[in-house]
């Protein structure tokens, strides 16, 4: 069964049915044969952005994410020590700490990452968009 890691913006755009999502990405996420993961790093990022007023959600992050994971059949990907340790060895093509952790998780778990972020392609991960 194909497995995919959703970038934070991909998750939020999917939930909002935002026009920014490409038709190809919509098909991949909607495909019941694919397992879509949301990283705890994305949950952390959403919490920080919400607390700073940079992200407006209708519900608190914990409830919002829990409900969306269940509604969409997505799986939460926990952060493990090996994920965090991998960040130490990554070149600085990308400076964002959340995205660097997502890259590390994608590399270790051998997951393509679904993202519009062009900087991800500088790493040895498959990027879908």
C-alpha atoms as a PDB file:
ATOM      1  CA  UNK A   1       0.000   0.000   0.000  1.00  0.00           C
ATOM      2  CA  UNK A   2       1.570   3.347  -1.026  1.00  0.00           C
ATOM      3  CA  UNK A   3       2.370   5.667   1.870  1.00  0.00           C
ATOM      4  CA  UNK A   4       2.625   9.478   1.733  1.00  0.00           C
ATOM      5  CA  UNK A   5       3.687  12.214   4.133  1.00  0.00           C
ATOM      6  CA  UNK A   6       1.589  15.374   3.926  1.00  0.00           C
ATOM      7  CA  UNK A   7       3.285  18.713   4.425  1.00  0.00           C
ATOM      8  CA  UNK A   8       1.441  20.992   6.858  1.00  0.00           C
ATOM      9  CA  UNK A   9       0.072  23.278   4.141  1.00  0.00           C
ATOM     10  CA  UNK A  10      -1.035  20.243   2.103  1.00  0.00           C
ATOM     11  CA  UNK A  11      -3.030  18.933   5.072  1.00  0.00           C
ATOM     12  CA  UNK A  12      -4.629  22.332   5.699  1.00  0.00           C
ATOM     13  CA  UNK A  13      -5.416  22.898   2.013  1.00  0.00           C
ATOM     14  CA  UNK A  14      -6.936  19.406   1.754  1.00  0.00           C
ATOM     15  CA  UNK A  15      -9.157  20.023   4.778  1.00  0.00           C
ATOM     16  CA  UNK A  16     -10.204  23.430   3.385  1.00  0.00           C
ATOM     17  CA  UNK A  17     -10.639  22.092  -0.176  1.00  0.00           C
ATOM     18  CA  UNK A  18      -8.336  24.941  -1.224  1.00  0.00           C
ATOM     19  CA  UNK A  19      -7.780  25.649  -4.924  1.00  0.00           C
ATOM     20  CA  UNK A  20      -3.991  25.592  -4.391  1.00  0.00           C
ATOM     21  CA  UNK A  21      -4.010  21.777  -4.444  1.00  0.00           C
ATOM     22  CA  UNK A  22      -3.177  20.358  -7.849  1.00  0.00           C
ATOM     23  CA  UNK A  23      -5.512  17.832  -9.455  1.00  0.00           C
ATOM     24  CA  UNK A  24      -2.769  15.195  -9.171  1.00  0.00           C
ATOM     25  CA  UNK A  25      -2.413  15.815  -5.420  1.00  0.00           C
ATOM     26  CA  UNK A  26      -6.178  15.647  -4.937  1.00  0.00           C
ATOM     27  CA  UNK A  27      -6.248  12.248  -6.683  1.00  0.00           C
ATOM     28  CA  UNK A  28      -3.327  10.872  -4.648  1.00  0.00           C
ATOM     29  CA  UNK A  29      -4.777  11.951  -1.289  1.00  0.00           C
ATOM     30  CA  UNK A  30      -8.287  10.778  -2.194  1.00  0.00           C
ATOM     31  CA  UNK A  31      -7.038   7.357  -3.326  1.00  0.00           C
ATOM     32  CA  UNK A  32      -8.192   4.894  -0.652  1.00  0.00           C
ATOM     33  CA  UNK A  33      -5.224   2.647  -1.533  1.00  0.00           C
ATOM     34  CA  UNK A  34      -2.797   5.269  -0.207  1.00  0.00           C
ATOM     35  CA  UNK A  35      -1.943   5.774   3.465  1.00  0.00           C
ATOM     36  CA  UNK A  36      -1.547   9.478   4.227  1.00  0.00           C
ATOM     37  CA  UNK A  37       0.521  10.497   7.246  1.00  0.00           C
ATOM     38  CA  UNK A  38       0.473  13.774   9.147  1.00  0.00           C
ATOM     39  CA  UNK A  39       3.580  14.368  11.215  1.00  0.00           C
ATOM     40  CA  UNK A  40       3.508  15.467  14.836  1.00  0.00           C
ATOM     41  CA  UNK A  41       5.884  18.172  13.571  1.00  0.00           C
ATOM     42  CA  UNK A  42       2.958  19.587  11.588  1.00  0.00           C
ATOM     43  CA  UNK A  43       0.748  19.495  14.684  1.00  0.00           C
ATOM     44  CA  UNK A  44       3.440  21.366  16.600  1.00  0.00           C
ATOM     45  CA  UNK A  45       3.778  23.899  13.766  1.00  0.00           C
ATOM     46  CA  UNK A  46       0.003  24.475  13.676  1.00  0.00           C
ATOM     47  CA  UNK A  47      -0.080  24.962  17.455  1.00  0.00           C
ATOM     48  CA  UNK A  48       2.681  27.550  17.357  1.00  0.00           C
ATOM     49  CA  UNK A  49       1.166  29.408  14.403  1.00  0.00           C
ATOM     50  CA  UNK A  50      -2.255  29.346  16.048  1.00  0.00           C
ATOM     51  CA  UNK A  51      -0.860  30.746  19.306  1.00  0.00           C
ATOM     52  CA  UNK A  52       0.833  33.554  17.332  1.00  0.00           C
ATOM     53  CA  UNK A  53      -2.357  34.378  15.451  1.00  0.00           C
ATOM     54  CA  UNK A  54      -0.839  33.307  12.107  1.00  0.00           C
ATOM     55  CA  UNK A  55      -3.245  30.376  11.716  1.00  0.00           C
ATOM     56  CA  UNK A  56      -6.975  30.630  12.337  1.00  0.00           C
ATOM     57  CA  UNK A  57      -8.767  27.354  12.995  1.00  0.00           C
ATOM     58  CA  UNK A  58     -12.415  26.934  13.954  1.00  0.00           C
ATOM     59  CA  UNK A  59     -11.394  24.667  16.850  1.00  0.00           C
ATOM     60  CA  UNK A  60      -8.352  24.179  19.104  1.00  0.00           C
ATOM     61  CA  UNK A  61      -5.537  22.382  17.278  1.00  0.00           C
ATOM     62  CA  UNK A  62      -5.856  19.129  19.226  1.00  0.00           C
ATOM     63  CA  UNK A  63      -9.552  18.777  18.460  1.00  0.00           C
ATOM     64  CA  UNK A  64      -9.214  20.022  14.879  1.00  0.00           C
ATOM     65  CA  UNK A  65      -6.402  17.592  14.020  1.00  0.00           C
ATOM     66  CA  UNK A  66      -8.036  14.640  15.799  1.00  0.00           C
ATOM     67  CA  UNK A  67     -11.302  15.187  13.965  1.00  0.00           C
ATOM     68  CA  UNK A  68      -9.598  15.645  10.585  1.00  0.00           C
ATOM     69  CA  UNK A  69      -7.419  12.561  11.006  1.00  0.00           C
ATOM     70  CA  UNK A  70     -10.534  10.490  11.714  1.00  0.00           C
ATOM     71  CA  UNK A  71     -12.659  12.103   8.987  1.00  0.00           C
ATOM     72  CA  UNK A  72      -9.996  11.625   6.311  1.00  0.00           C
ATOM     73  CA  UNK A  73      -8.513   8.315   7.431  1.00  0.00           C
ATOM     74  CA  UNK A  74      -5.072   9.894   7.902  1.00  0.00           C
ATOM     75  CA  UNK A  75      -2.474   8.446  10.271  1.00  0.00           C
ATOM     76  CA  UNK A  76      -0.408  10.421  12.770  1.00  0.00           C
ATOM     77  CA  UNK A  77       3.359   9.988  12.395  1.00  0.00           C
ATOM     78  CA  UNK A  78       5.118  10.401  15.721  1.00  0.00           C
ATOM     79  CA  UNK A  79       8.522  12.015  16.032  1.00  0.00           C
ATOM     80  CA  UNK A  80      11.198   9.541  17.019  1.00  0.00           C
ATOM     81  CA  UNK A  81      14.759  10.150  18.172  1.00  0.00           C
ATOM     82  CA  UNK A  82      16.096   8.862  14.854  1.00  0.00           C
ATOM     83  CA  UNK A  83      13.999  11.465  13.020  1.00  0.00           C
ATOM     84  CA  UNK A  84      15.298  14.314  15.169  1.00  0.00           C
ATOM     85  CA  UNK A  85      18.871  13.024  14.941  1.00  0.00           C
ATOM     86  CA  UNK A  86      18.690  12.905  11.122  1.00  0.00           C
ATOM     87  CA  UNK A  87      18.087  16.672  11.078  1.00  0.00           C
ATOM     88  CA  UNK A  88      21.622  17.127  12.439  1.00  0.00           C
ATOM     89  CA  UNK A  89      23.065  15.706   9.216  1.00  0.00           C
ATOM     90  CA  UNK A  90      20.847  17.523   6.711  1.00  0.00           C
ATOM     91  CA  UNK A  91      22.359  20.260   4.554  1.00  0.00           C
ATOM     92  CA  UNK A  92      20.733  23.671   4.998  1.00  0.00           C
ATOM     93  CA  UNK A  93      18.836  23.834   1.707  1.00  0.00           C
ATOM     94  CA  UNK A  94      15.838  24.526   3.918  1.00  0.00           C
ATOM     95  CA  UNK A  95      16.009  26.639   7.088  1.00  0.00           C
ATOM     96  CA  UNK A  96      12.533  26.000   8.509  1.00  0.00           C
ATOM     97  CA  UNK A  97      12.878  23.617  11.487  1.00  0.00           C
ATOM     98  CA  UNK A  98       9.464  22.001  10.939  1.00  0.00           C
ATOM     99  CA  UNK A  99      10.185  21.329   7.280  1.00  0.00           C
ATOM    100  CA  UNK A 100      13.643  19.978   8.104  1.00  0.00           C
ATOM    101  CA  UNK A 101      12.032  17.480  10.477  1.00  0.00           C
ATOM    102  CA  UNK A 102       9.482  16.501   7.819  1.00  0.00           C
ATOM    103  CA  UNK A 103      12.344  15.928   5.372  1.00  0.00           C
ATOM    104  CA  UNK A 104      14.157  13.766   7.920  1.00  0.00           C
ATOM    105  CA  UNK A 105      11.007  11.730   8.552  1.00  0.00           C
ATOM    106  CA  UNK A 106      10.391  11.296   4.829  1.00  0.00           C
ATOM    107  CA  UNK A 107      13.975  10.098   4.334  1.00  0.00           C
ATOM    108  CA  UNK A 108      13.997   7.653   7.238  1.00  0.00           C
ATOM    109  CA  UNK A 109      10.498   6.290   6.661  1.00  0.00           C
ATOM    110  CA  UNK A 110      11.017   6.235   2.864  1.00  0.00           C
ATOM    111  CA  UNK A 111       7.895   8.306   2.302  1.00  0.00           C
ATOM    112  CA  UNK A 112       7.250  10.623  -0.613  1.00  0.00           C
ATOM    113  CA  UNK A 113       6.292  14.046   0.714  1.00  0.00           C
ATOM    114  CA  UNK A 114       3.284  15.851  -0.714  1.00  0.00           C
ATOM    115  CA  UNK A 115       4.300  19.498  -0.809  1.00  0.00           C
ATOM    116  CA  UNK A 116       4.348  22.620  -2.965  1.00  0.00           C
ATOM    117  CA  UNK A 117       7.613  23.641  -1.270  1.00  0.00           C
ATOM    118  CA  UNK A 118      10.282  23.613  -3.983  1.00  0.00           C
ATOM    119  CA  UNK A 119      13.142  23.515  -1.464  1.00  0.00           C
ATOM    120  CA  UNK A 120      12.212  19.920  -0.601  1.00  0.00           C
ATOM    121  CA  UNK A 121      13.465  18.768  -3.994  1.00  0.00           C
ATOM    122  CA  UNK A 122      17.002  19.741  -2.952  1.00  0.00           C
ATOM    123  CA  UNK A 123      16.990  16.703  -0.662  1.00  0.00           C
ATOM    124  CA  UNK A 124      16.975  13.033  -1.563  1.00  0.00           C
ATOM    125  CA  UNK A 125      13.240  12.640  -1.023  1.00  0.00           C
ATOM    126  CA  UNK A 126      10.489  12.125  -3.558  1.00  0.00           C
ATOM    127  CA  UNK A 127       8.226  15.169  -3.722  1.00  0.00           C
ATOM    128  CA  UNK A 128       4.725  14.952  -5.149  1.00  0.00           C
ATOM    129  CA  UNK A 129       2.871  17.986  -6.408  1.00  0.00           C
END
